[in-house]
Amino acid sequence: MGCYTVPTAAFIVHKVLQRKNKNLQNLHHNRLSLLLLGGTLFGVVDHAWNGELLFGKEGLVLDLLLGVTITVSIFIVWGVMGVVEKWRASTGVKQ
């Protein structure tokens, strides 16, 4: 359960912050929302597939740690995407 609750919580917090702060309403932050939502969807599908929608075999603590790892990985990928996007803009490389 914790595997998908962490990216879900991050998605909800990010969406709330986006709605309150106009500076976060851009393509870059929309991509983060989609990545977090994808992490959530992956976790739900994985747990449903294995018949562990509410509780995993590993236990809650390990499941939460996996959720934190997934969420941190999403933020790292999002950061790399931002760096690549800025680099492309500065060098004039087309997509």
PDB file of N, CA and C in Angstrom:
ATOM      1  N   MET A   1       0.825  -1.195   0.000  1.00  0.00           N
ATOM      2  CA  MET A   1       0.000   0.000   0.000  1.00  0.00           C
ATOM      3  C   MET A   1       0.863   1.251   0.000  1.00  0.00           C
ATOM      4  N   GLY A   2       1.912   1.240   0.776  1.00  0.00           N
ATOM      5  CA  GLY A   2       2.759   2.422   0.874  1.00  0.00           C
ATOM      6  C   GLY A   2       3.481   2.750  -0.411  1.00  0.00           C
ATOM      7  N   CYS A   3       3.674   1.724  -1.220  1.00  0.00           N
ATOM      8  CA  CYS A   3       4.382   1.900  -2.486  1.00  0.00           C
ATOM      9  C   CYS A   3       3.730   2.969  -3.346  1.00  0.00           C
ATOM     10  N   TYR A   4       2.425   2.996  -3.398  1.00  0.00           N
ATOM     11  CA  TYR A   4       1.757   3.981  -4.248  1.00  0.00           C
ATOM     12  C   TYR A   4       1.180   5.155  -3.465  1.00  0.00           C
ATOM     13  N   THR A   5       1.173   5.074  -2.135  1.00  0.00           N
ATOM     14  CA  THR A   5       0.653   6.207  -1.360  1.00  0.00           C
ATOM     15  C   THR A   5       1.629   7.381  -1.327  1.00  0.00           C
ATOM     16  N   VAL A   6       2.915   7.102  -1.363  1.00  0.00           N
ATOM     17  CA  VAL A   6       3.906   8.189  -1.314  1.00  0.00           C
ATOM     18  C   VAL A   6       3.861   9.044  -2.586  1.00  0.00           C
ATOM     19  N   PRO A   7       3.933   8.445  -3.795  1.00  0.00           N
ATOM     20  CA  PRO A   7       3.806   9.299  -4.983  1.00  0.00           C
ATOM     21  C   PRO A   7       2.421   9.943  -5.098  1.00  0.00           C
ATOM     22  N   THR A   8       1.386   9.266  -4.566  1.00  0.00           N
ATOM     23  CA  THR A   8       0.046   9.858  -4.571  1.00  0.00           C
ATOM     24  C   THR A   8       0.014  11.105  -3.706  1.00  0.00           C
ATOM     25  N   ALA A   9       0.590  11.013  -2.517  1.00  0.00           N
ATOM     26  CA  ALA A   9       0.641  12.173  -1.620  1.00  0.00           C
ATOM     27  C   ALA A   9       1.452  13.304  -2.240  1.00  0.00           C
ATOM     28  N   ALA A  10       2.574  12.958  -2.875  1.00  0.00           N
ATOM     29  CA  ALA A  10       3.396  13.976  -3.538  1.00  0.00           C
ATOM     30  C   ALA A  10       2.623  14.643  -4.668  1.00  0.00           C
ATOM     31  N   PHE A  11       1.865  13.849  -5.425  1.00  0.00           N
ATOM     32  CA  PHE A  11       1.037  14.389  -6.507  1.00  0.00           C
ATOM     33  C   PHE A  11       0.005  15.366  -5.959  1.00  0.00           C
ATOM     34  N   ILE A  12      -0.686  14.983  -4.901  1.00  0.00           N
ATOM     35  CA  ILE A  12      -1.727  15.840  -4.313  1.00  0.00           C
ATOM     36  C   ILE A  12      -1.131  17.135  -3.786  1.00  0.00           C
ATOM     37  N   VAL A  13      -0.026  17.036  -3.045  1.00  0.00           N
ATOM     38  CA  VAL A  13       0.628  18.238  -2.517  1.00  0.00           C
ATOM     39  C   VAL A  13       1.078  19.141  -3.661  1.00  0.00           C
ATOM     40  N   HIS A  14       1.659  18.562  -4.701  1.00  0.00           N
ATOM     41  CA  HIS A  14       2.124  19.353  -5.838  1.00  0.00           C
ATOM     42  C   HIS A  14       0.970  20.051  -6.533  1.00  0.00           C
ATOM     43  N   LYS A  15      -0.147  19.341  -6.722  1.00  0.00           N
ATOM     44  CA  LYS A  15      -1.306  19.948  -7.380  1.00  0.00           C
ATOM     45  C   LYS A  15      -1.870  21.104  -6.556  1.00  0.00           C
ATOM     46  N   VAL A  16      -1.925  20.940  -5.234  1.00  0.00           N
ATOM     47  CA  VAL A  16      -2.406  22.016  -4.363  1.00  0.00           C
ATOM     48  C   VAL A  16      -1.488  23.229  -4.472  1.00  0.00           C
ATOM     49  N   LEU A  17      -0.173  22.984  -4.433  1.00  0.00           N
ATOM     50  CA  LEU A  17       0.788  24.084  -4.566  1.00  0.00           C
ATOM     51  C   LEU A  17       0.686  24.753  -5.932  1.00  0.00           C
ATOM     52  N   GLN A  18       0.463  23.957  -6.974  1.00  0.00           N
ATOM     53  CA  GLN A  18       0.311  24.520  -8.321  1.00  0.00           C
ATOM     54  C   GLN A  18      -0.892  25.451  -8.399  1.00  0.00           C
ATOM     55  N   ARG A  19      -1.977  25.064  -7.788  1.00  0.00           N
ATOM     56  CA  ARG A  19      -3.184  25.892  -7.853  1.00  0.00           C
ATOM     57  C   ARG A  19      -3.049  27.177  -7.056  1.00  0.00           C
ATOM     58  N   LYS A  20      -2.233  27.153  -6.000  1.00  0.00           N
ATOM     59  CA  LYS A  20      -2.063  28.345  -5.170  1.00  0.00           C
ATOM     60  C   LYS A  20      -0.973  29.271  -5.685  1.00  0.00           C
ATOM     61  N   ASN A  21      -0.052  28.742  -6.484  1.00  0.00           N
ATOM     62  CA  ASN A  21       1.085  29.529  -6.948  1.00  0.00           C
ATOM     63  C   ASN A  21       1.113  29.541  -8.473  1.00  0.00           C
ATOM     64  N   LYS A  22       0.876  30.678  -9.057  1.00  0.00           N
ATOM     65  CA  LYS A  22       0.840  30.808 -10.523  1.00  0.00           C
ATOM     66  C   LYS A  22       2.188  30.473 -11.166  1.00  0.00           C
ATOM     67  N   ASN A  23       3.304  30.661 -10.434  1.00  0.00           N
ATOM     68  CA  ASN A  23       4.627  30.368 -10.986  1.00  0.00           C
ATOM     69  C   ASN A  23       4.834  28.875 -11.246  1.00  0.00           C
ATOM     70  N   LEU A  24       4.037  28.027 -10.596  1.00  0.00           N
ATOM     71  CA  LEU A  24       4.168  26.587 -10.776  1.00  0.00           C
ATOM     72  C   LEU A  24       3.238  26.039 -11.853  1.00  0.00           C
ATOM     73  N   GLN A  25       2.505  26.932 -12.495  1.00  0.00           N
ATOM     74  CA  GLN A  25       1.562  26.509 -13.530  1.00  0.00           C
ATOM     75  C   GLN A  25       2.220  26.635 -14.903  1.00  0.00           C
ATOM     76  N   ASN A  26       3.114  25.689 -15.178  1.00  0.00           N
ATOM     77  CA  ASN A  26       3.815  25.690 -16.462  1.00  0.00           C
ATOM     78  C   ASN A  26       4.061  24.253 -16.919  1.00  0.00           C
ATOM     79  N   LEU A  27       4.595  24.109 -18.099  1.00  0.00           N
ATOM     80  CA  LEU A  27       4.814  22.793 -18.689  1.00  0.00           C
ATOM     81  C   LEU A  27       5.736  21.932 -17.823  1.00  0.00           C
ATOM     82  N   HIS A  28       6.776  22.536 -17.269  1.00  0.00           N
ATOM     83  CA  HIS A  28       7.732  21.804 -16.468  1.00  0.00           C
ATOM     84  C   HIS A  28       7.045  21.162 -15.258  1.00  0.00           C
ATOM     85  N   HIS A  29       6.201  21.915 -14.580  1.00  0.00           N
ATOM     86  CA  HIS A  29       5.507  21.375 -13.405  1.00  0.00           C
ATOM     87  C   HIS A  29       4.365  20.445 -13.798  1.00  0.00           C
ATOM     88  N   ASN A  30       3.770  20.666 -14.955  1.00  0.00           N
ATOM     89  CA  ASN A  30       2.763  19.722 -15.436  1.00  0.00           C
ATOM     90  C   ASN A  30       3.389  18.356 -15.711  1.00  0.00           C
ATOM     91  N   ARG A  31       4.621  18.358 -16.195  1.00  0.00           N
ATOM     92  CA  ARG A  31       5.328  17.095 -16.418  1.00  0.00           C
ATOM     93  C   ARG A  31       5.574  16.371 -15.104  1.00  0.00           C
ATOM     94  N   LEU A  32       5.938  17.126 -14.060  1.00  0.00           N
ATOM     95  CA  LEU A  32       6.138  16.510 -12.754  1.00  0.00           C
ATOM     96  C   LEU A  32       4.843  15.861 -12.276  1.00  0.00           C
ATOM     97  N   SER A  33       3.735  16.557 -12.439  1.00  0.00           N
ATOM     98  CA  SER A  33       2.447  15.988 -12.033  1.00  0.00           C
ATOM     99  C   SER A  33       2.167  14.684 -12.769  1.00  0.00           C
ATOM    100  N   LEU A  34       2.432  14.670 -14.063  1.00  0.00           N
ATOM    101  CA  LEU A  34       2.195  13.453 -14.846  1.00  0.00           C
ATOM    102  C   LEU A  34       3.129  12.319 -14.430  1.00  0.00           C
ATOM    103  N   LEU A  35       4.378  12.641 -14.134  1.00  0.00           N
ATOM    104  CA  LEU A  35       5.312  11.612 -13.678  1.00  0.00           C
ATOM    105  C   LEU A  35       4.863  11.027 -12.340  1.00  0.00           C
ATOM    106  N   LEU A  36       4.440  11.883 -11.414  1.00  0.00           N
ATOM    107  CA  LEU A  36       3.962  11.405 -10.115  1.00  0.00           C
ATOM    108  C   LEU A  36       2.700  10.571 -10.277  1.00  0.00           C
ATOM    109  N   LEU A  37       1.819  11.006 -11.148  1.00  0.00           N
ATOM    110  CA  LEU A  37       0.596  10.250 -11.406  1.00  0.00           C
ATOM    111  C   LEU A  37       0.930   8.889 -12.032  1.00  0.00           C
ATOM    112  N   GLY A  38       1.914   8.865 -12.908  1.00  0.00           N
ATOM    113  CA  GLY A  38       2.357   7.601 -13.495  1.00  0.00           C
ATOM    114  C   GLY A  38       2.934   6.660 -12.447  1.00  0.00           C
ATOM    115  N   GLY A  39       3.705   7.198 -11.503  1.00  0.00           N
ATOM    116  CA  GLY A  39       4.238   6.379 -10.410  1.00  0.00           C
ATOM    117  C   GLY A  39       3.120   5.803  -9.556  1.00  0.00           C
ATOM    118  N   THR A  40       2.099   6.610  -9.330  1.00  0.00           N
ATOM    119  CA  THR A  40       0.935   6.151  -8.574  1.00  0.00           C
ATOM    120  C   THR A  40       0.219   5.038  -9.331  1.00  0.00           C
ATOM    121  N   LEU A  41      -0.037   5.271 -10.595  1.00  0.00           N
ATOM    122  CA  LEU A  41      -0.750   4.281 -11.406  1.00  0.00           C
ATOM    123  C   LEU A  41       0.025   2.967 -11.473  1.00  0.00           C
ATOM    124  N   PHE A  42       1.339   3.066 -11.652  1.00  0.00           N
ATOM    125  CA  PHE A  42       2.163   1.865 -11.683  1.00  0.00           C
ATOM    126  C   PHE A  42       2.027   1.080 -10.377  1.00  0.00           C
ATOM    127  N   GLY A  43       2.088   1.787  -9.250  1.00  0.00           N
ATOM    128  CA  GLY A  43       1.980   1.116  -7.955  1.00  0.00           C
ATOM    129  C   GLY A  43       0.638   0.446  -7.756  1.00  0.00           C
ATOM    130  N   VAL A  44      -0.430   1.120  -8.137  1.00  0.00           N
ATOM    131  CA  VAL A  44      -1.771   0.545  -7.994  1.00  0.00           C
ATOM    132  C   VAL A  44      -1.907  -0.700  -8.872  1.00  0.00           C
ATOM    133  N   VAL A  45      -1.476  -0.604 -10.136  1.00  0.00           N
ATOM    134  CA  VAL A  45      -1.573  -1.751 -11.040  1.00  0.00           C
ATOM    135  C   VAL A  45      -0.732  -2.909 -10.535  1.00  0.00           C
ATOM    136  N   ASP A  46       0.475  -2.630 -10.072  1.00  0.00           N
ATOM    137  CA  ASP A  46       1.357  -3.677  -9.572  1.00  0.00           C
ATOM    138  C   ASP A  46       0.729  -4.381  -8.369  1.00  0.00           C
ATOM    139  N   HIS A  47       0.226  -3.612  -7.425  1.00  0.00           N
ATOM    140  CA  HIS A  47      -0.381  -4.216  -6.233  1.00  0.00           C
ATOM    141  C   HIS A  47      -1.658  -4.969  -6.572  1.00  0.00           C
ATOM    142  N   ALA A  48      -2.470  -4.433  -7.473  1.00  0.00           N
ATOM    143  CA  ALA A  48      -3.694  -5.123  -7.870  1.00  0.00           C
ATOM    144  C   ALA A  48      -3.357  -6.431  -8.585  1.00  0.00           C
ATOM    145  N   TRP A  49      -2.345  -6.386  -9.446  1.00  0.00           N
ATOM    146  CA  TRP A  49      -1.922  -7.567 -10.200  1.00  0.00           C
ATOM    147  C   TRP A  49      -1.506  -8.697  -9.256  1.00  0.00           C
ATOM    148  N   ASN A  50      -0.836  -8.328  -8.170  1.00  0.00           N
ATOM    149  CA  ASN A  50      -0.336  -9.327  -7.221  1.00  0.00           C
ATOM    150  C   ASN A  50      -1.325  -9.632  -6.098  1.00  0.00           C
ATOM    151  N   GLY A  51      -2.527  -9.042  -6.174  1.00  0.00           N
ATOM    152  CA  GLY A  51      -3.539  -9.305  -5.161  1.00  0.00           C
ATOM    153  C   GLY A  51      -3.225  -8.708  -3.807  1.00  0.00           C
ATOM    154  N   GLU A  52      -2.446  -7.624  -3.794  1.00  0.00           N
ATOM    155  CA  GLU A  52      -2.029  -6.980  -2.541  1.00  0.00           C
ATOM    156  C   GLU A  52      -2.398  -5.510  -2.564  1.00  0.00           C
ATOM    157  N   LEU A  53      -3.617  -5.210  -2.962  1.00  0.00           N
ATOM    158  CA  LEU A  53      -3.983  -3.809  -3.148  1.00  0.00           C
ATOM    159  C   LEU A  53      -3.841  -2.993  -1.869  1.00  0.00           C
ATOM    160  N   LEU A  54      -4.165  -3.568  -0.732  1.00  0.00           N
ATOM    161  CA  LEU A  54      -4.082  -2.803   0.518  1.00  0.00           C
ATOM    162  C   LEU A  54      -2.798  -3.070   1.289  1.00  0.00           C
ATOM    163  N   PHE A  55      -2.359  -4.306   1.350  1.00  0.00           N
ATOM    164  CA  PHE A  55      -1.170  -4.627   2.130  1.00  0.00           C
ATOM    165  C   PHE A  55      -0.257  -5.545   1.339  1.00  0.00           C
ATOM    166  N   GLY A  56       1.029  -5.165   1.267  1.00  0.00           N
ATOM    167  CA  GLY A  56       2.003  -5.978   0.560  1.00  0.00           C
ATOM    168  C   GLY A  56       2.608  -7.033   1.463  1.00  0.00           C
ATOM    169  N   LYS A  57       3.243  -8.029   0.866  1.00  0.00           N
ATOM    170  CA  LYS A  57       3.879  -9.108   1.630  1.00  0.00           C
ATOM    171  C   LYS A  57       5.102  -8.611   2.401  1.00  0.00           C
ATOM    172  N   GLU A  58       5.741  -7.568   1.884  1.00  0.00           N
ATOM    173  CA  GLU A  58       6.984  -7.079   2.487  1.00  0.00           C
ATOM    174  C   GLU A  58       6.752  -6.361   3.805  1.00  0.00           C
ATOM    175  N   GLY A  59       5.546  -5.911   4.044  1.00  0.00           N
ATOM    176  CA  GLY A  59       5.260  -5.145   5.245  1.00  0.00           C
ATOM    177  C   GLY A  59       5.182  -3.669   4.924  1.00  0.00           C
ATOM    178  N   LEU A  60       4.541  -2.943   5.802  1.00  0.00           N
ATOM    179  CA  LEU A  60       4.271  -1.531   5.553  1.00  0.00           C
ATOM    180  C   LEU A  60       5.539  -0.687   5.468  1.00  0.00           C
ATOM    181  N   VAL A  61       6.502  -0.931   6.350  1.00  0.00           N
ATOM    182  CA  VAL A  61       7.711  -0.099   6.367  1.00  0.00           C
ATOM    183  C   VAL A  61       8.498  -0.245   5.067  1.00  0.00           C
ATOM    184  N   LEU A  62       8.714  -1.473   4.628  1.00  0.00           N
ATOM    185  CA  LEU A  62       9.454  -1.672   3.375  1.00  0.00           C
ATOM    186  C   LEU A  62       8.670  -1.137   2.184  1.00  0.00           C
ATOM    187  N   ASP A  63       7.353  -1.272   2.243  1.00  0.00           N
ATOM    188  CA  ASP A  63       6.521  -0.747   1.168  1.00  0.00           C
ATOM    189  C   ASP A  63       6.614   0.780   1.108  1.00  0.00           C
ATOM    190  N   LEU A  64       6.612   1.424   2.276  1.00  0.00           N
ATOM    191  CA  LEU A  64       6.762   2.888   2.311  1.00  0.00           C
ATOM    192  C   LEU A  64       8.138   3.311   1.806  1.00  0.00           C
ATOM    193  N   LEU A  65       9.169   2.563   2.186  1.00  0.00           N
ATOM    194  CA  LEU A  65      10.516   2.873   1.687  1.00  0.00           C
ATOM    195  C   LEU A  65      10.592   2.740   0.176  1.00  0.00           C
ATOM    196  N   LEU A  66       9.916   1.747  -0.370  1.00  0.00           N
ATOM    197  CA  LEU A  66       9.859   1.603  -1.820  1.00  0.00           C
ATOM    198  C   LEU A  66       9.140   2.795  -2.440  1.00  0.00           C
ATOM    199  N   GLY A  67       8.055   3.248  -1.808  1.00  0.00           N
ATOM    200  CA  GLY A  67       7.327   4.425  -2.291  1.00  0.00           C
ATOM    201  C   GLY A  67       8.191   5.674  -2.280  1.00  0.00           C
ATOM    202  N   VAL A  68       8.983   5.833  -1.223  1.00  0.00           N
ATOM    203  CA  VAL A  68       9.897   6.986  -1.142  1.00  0.00           C
ATOM    204  C   VAL A  68      10.944   6.882  -2.250  1.00  0.00           C
ATOM    205  N   THR A  69      11.468   5.690  -2.476  1.00  0.00           N
ATOM    206  CA  THR A  69      12.467   5.484  -3.531  1.00  0.00           C
ATOM    207  C   THR A  69      11.885   5.806  -4.904  1.00  0.00           C
ATOM    208  N   ILE A  70      10.675   5.353  -5.152  1.00  0.00           N
ATOM    209  CA  ILE A  70      10.016   5.641  -6.427  1.00  0.00           C
ATOM    210  C   ILE A  70       9.825   7.143  -6.597  1.00  0.00           C
ATOM    211  N   THR A  71       9.362   7.812  -5.535  1.00  0.00           N
ATOM    212  CA  THR A  71       9.099   9.257  -5.604  1.00  0.00           C
ATOM    213  C   THR A  71      10.389  10.046  -5.809  1.00  0.00           C
ATOM    214  N   VAL A  72      11.435   9.685  -5.093  1.00  0.00           N
ATOM    215  CA  VAL A  72      12.726  10.360  -5.267  1.00  0.00           C
ATOM    216  C   VAL A  72      13.245  10.138  -6.686  1.00  0.00           C
ATOM    217  N   SER A  73      13.074   8.933  -7.212  1.00  0.00           N
ATOM    218  CA  SER A  73      13.494   8.642  -8.593  1.00  0.00           C
ATOM    219  C   SER A  73      12.729   9.502  -9.587  1.00  0.00           C
ATOM    220  N   ILE A  74      11.436   9.692  -9.333  1.00  0.00           N
ATOM    221  CA  ILE A  74      10.623  10.540 -10.207  1.00  0.00           C
ATOM    222  C   ILE A  74      11.151  11.969 -10.195  1.00  0.00           C
ATOM    223  N   PHE A  75      11.475  12.485  -9.009  1.00  0.00           N
ATOM    224  CA  PHE A  75      12.014  13.847  -8.917  1.00  0.00           C
ATOM    225  C   PHE A  75      13.373  13.962  -9.604  1.00  0.00           C
ATOM    226  N   ILE A  76      14.194  12.927  -9.521  1.00  0.00           N
ATOM    227  CA  ILE A  76      15.496  12.953 -10.196  1.00  0.00           C
ATOM    228  C   ILE A  76      15.304  12.982 -11.710  1.00  0.00           C
ATOM    229  N   VAL A  77      14.426  12.129 -12.223  1.00  0.00           N
ATOM    230  CA  VAL A  77      14.152  12.113 -13.662  1.00  0.00           C
ATOM    231  C   VAL A  77      13.606  13.458 -14.106  1.00  0.00           C
ATOM    232  N   TRP A  78      12.693  14.032 -13.322  1.00  0.00           N
ATOM    233  CA  TRP A  78      12.123  15.340 -13.635  1.00  0.00           C
ATOM    234  C   TRP A  78      13.218  16.408 -13.679  1.00  0.00           C
ATOM    235  N   GLY A  79      14.148  16.358 -12.735  1.00  0.00           N
ATOM    236  CA  GLY A  79      15.259  17.306 -12.724  1.00  0.00           C
ATOM    237  C   GLY A  79      16.149  17.167 -13.946  1.00  0.00           C
ATOM    238  N   VAL A  80      16.457  15.932 -14.318  1.00  0.00           N
ATOM    239  CA  VAL A  80      17.272  15.686 -15.507  1.00  0.00           C
ATOM    240  C   VAL A  80      16.544  16.205 -16.748  1.00  0.00           C
ATOM    241  N   MET A  81      15.231  15.974 -16.815  1.00  0.00           N
ATOM    242  CA  MET A  81      14.459  16.488 -17.950  1.00  0.00           C
ATOM    243  C   MET A  81      14.571  18.012 -18.035  1.00  0.00           C
ATOM    244  N   GLY A  82      14.523  18.681 -16.892  1.00  0.00           N
ATOM    245  CA  GLY A  82      14.645  20.139 -16.870  1.00  0.00           C
ATOM    246  C   GLY A  82      16.009  20.611 -17.325  1.00  0.00           C
ATOM    247  N   VAL A  83      17.052  19.918 -16.877  1.00  0.00           N
ATOM    248  CA  VAL A  83      18.416  20.280 -17.275  1.00  0.00           C
ATOM    249  C   VAL A  83      18.588  20.096 -18.782  1.00  0.00           C
ATOM    250  N   VAL A  84      18.106  18.981 -19.311  1.00  0.00           N
ATOM    251  CA  VAL A  84      18.218  18.720 -20.755  1.00  0.00           C
ATOM    252  C   VAL A  84      17.431  19.768 -21.536  1.00  0.00           C
ATOM    253  N   GLU A  85      16.252  20.109 -21.051  1.00  0.00           N
ATOM    254  CA  GLU A  85      15.437  21.120 -21.727  1.00  0.00           C
ATOM    255  C   GLU A  85      16.141  22.479 -21.764  1.00  0.00           C
ATOM    256  N   LYS A  86      16.755  22.876 -20.645  1.00  0.00           N
ATOM    257  CA  LYS A  86      17.490  24.153 -20.608  1.00  0.00           C
ATOM    258  C   LYS A  86      18.716  24.095 -21.516  1.00  0.00           C
ATOM    259  N   TRP A  87      19.392  22.952 -21.519  1.00  0.00           N
ATOM    260  CA  TRP A  87      20.572  22.815 -22.367  1.00  0.00           C
ATOM    261  C   TRP A  87      20.177  22.930 -23.835  1.00  0.00           C
ATOM    262  N   ARG A  88      19.082  22.255 -24.216  1.00  0.00           N
ATOM    263  CA  ARG A  88      18.621  22.332 -25.609  1.00  0.00           C
ATOM    264  C   ARG A  88      18.241  23.753 -25.984  1.00  0.00           C
ATOM    265  N   ALA A  89      17.599  24.463 -25.076  1.00  0.00           N
ATOM    266  CA  ALA A  89      17.193  25.838 -25.360  1.00  0.00           C
ATOM    267  C   ALA A  89      18.417  26.735 -25.525  1.00  0.00           C
ATOM    268  N   SER A  90      19.447  26.507 -24.719  1.00  0.00           N
ATOM    269  CA  SER A  90      20.628  27.375 -24.785  1.00  0.00           C
ATOM    270  C   SER A  90      21.498  27.083 -26.003  1.00  0.00           C
ATOM    271  N   THR A  91      21.463  25.842 -26.501  1.00  0.00           N
ATOM    272  CA  THR A  91      22.291  25.506 -27.664  1.00  0.00           C
ATOM    273  C   THR A  91      21.513  25.559 -28.975  1.00  0.00           C
ATOM    274  N   GLY A  92      20.217  25.712 -28.882  1.00  0.00           N
ATOM    275  CA  GLY A  92      19.404  25.775 -30.093  1.00  0.00           C
ATOM    276  C   GLY A  92      19.105  24.439 -30.716  1.00  0.00           C
ATOM    277  N   VAL A  93      19.308  23.357 -29.971  1.00  0.00           N
ATOM    278  CA  VAL A  93      19.035  22.011 -30.478  1.00  0.00           C
ATOM    279  C   VAL A  93      17.531  21.821 -30.539  1.00  0.00           C
ATOM    280  N   LYS A  94      17.058  21.347 -31.683  1.00  0.00           N
ATOM    281  CA  LYS A  94      15.615  21.086 -31.848  1.00  0.00           C
ATOM    282  C   LYS A  94      15.289  19.703 -31.307  1.00  0.00           C
ATOM    283  N   GLN A  95      14.040  19.514 -30.950  1.00  0.00           N
ATOM    284  CA  GLN A  95      13.619  18.220 -30.399  1.00  0.00           C
ATOM    285  C   GLN A  95      13.488  17.178 -31.452  1.00  0.00           C
TER     286      GLN A  95
END
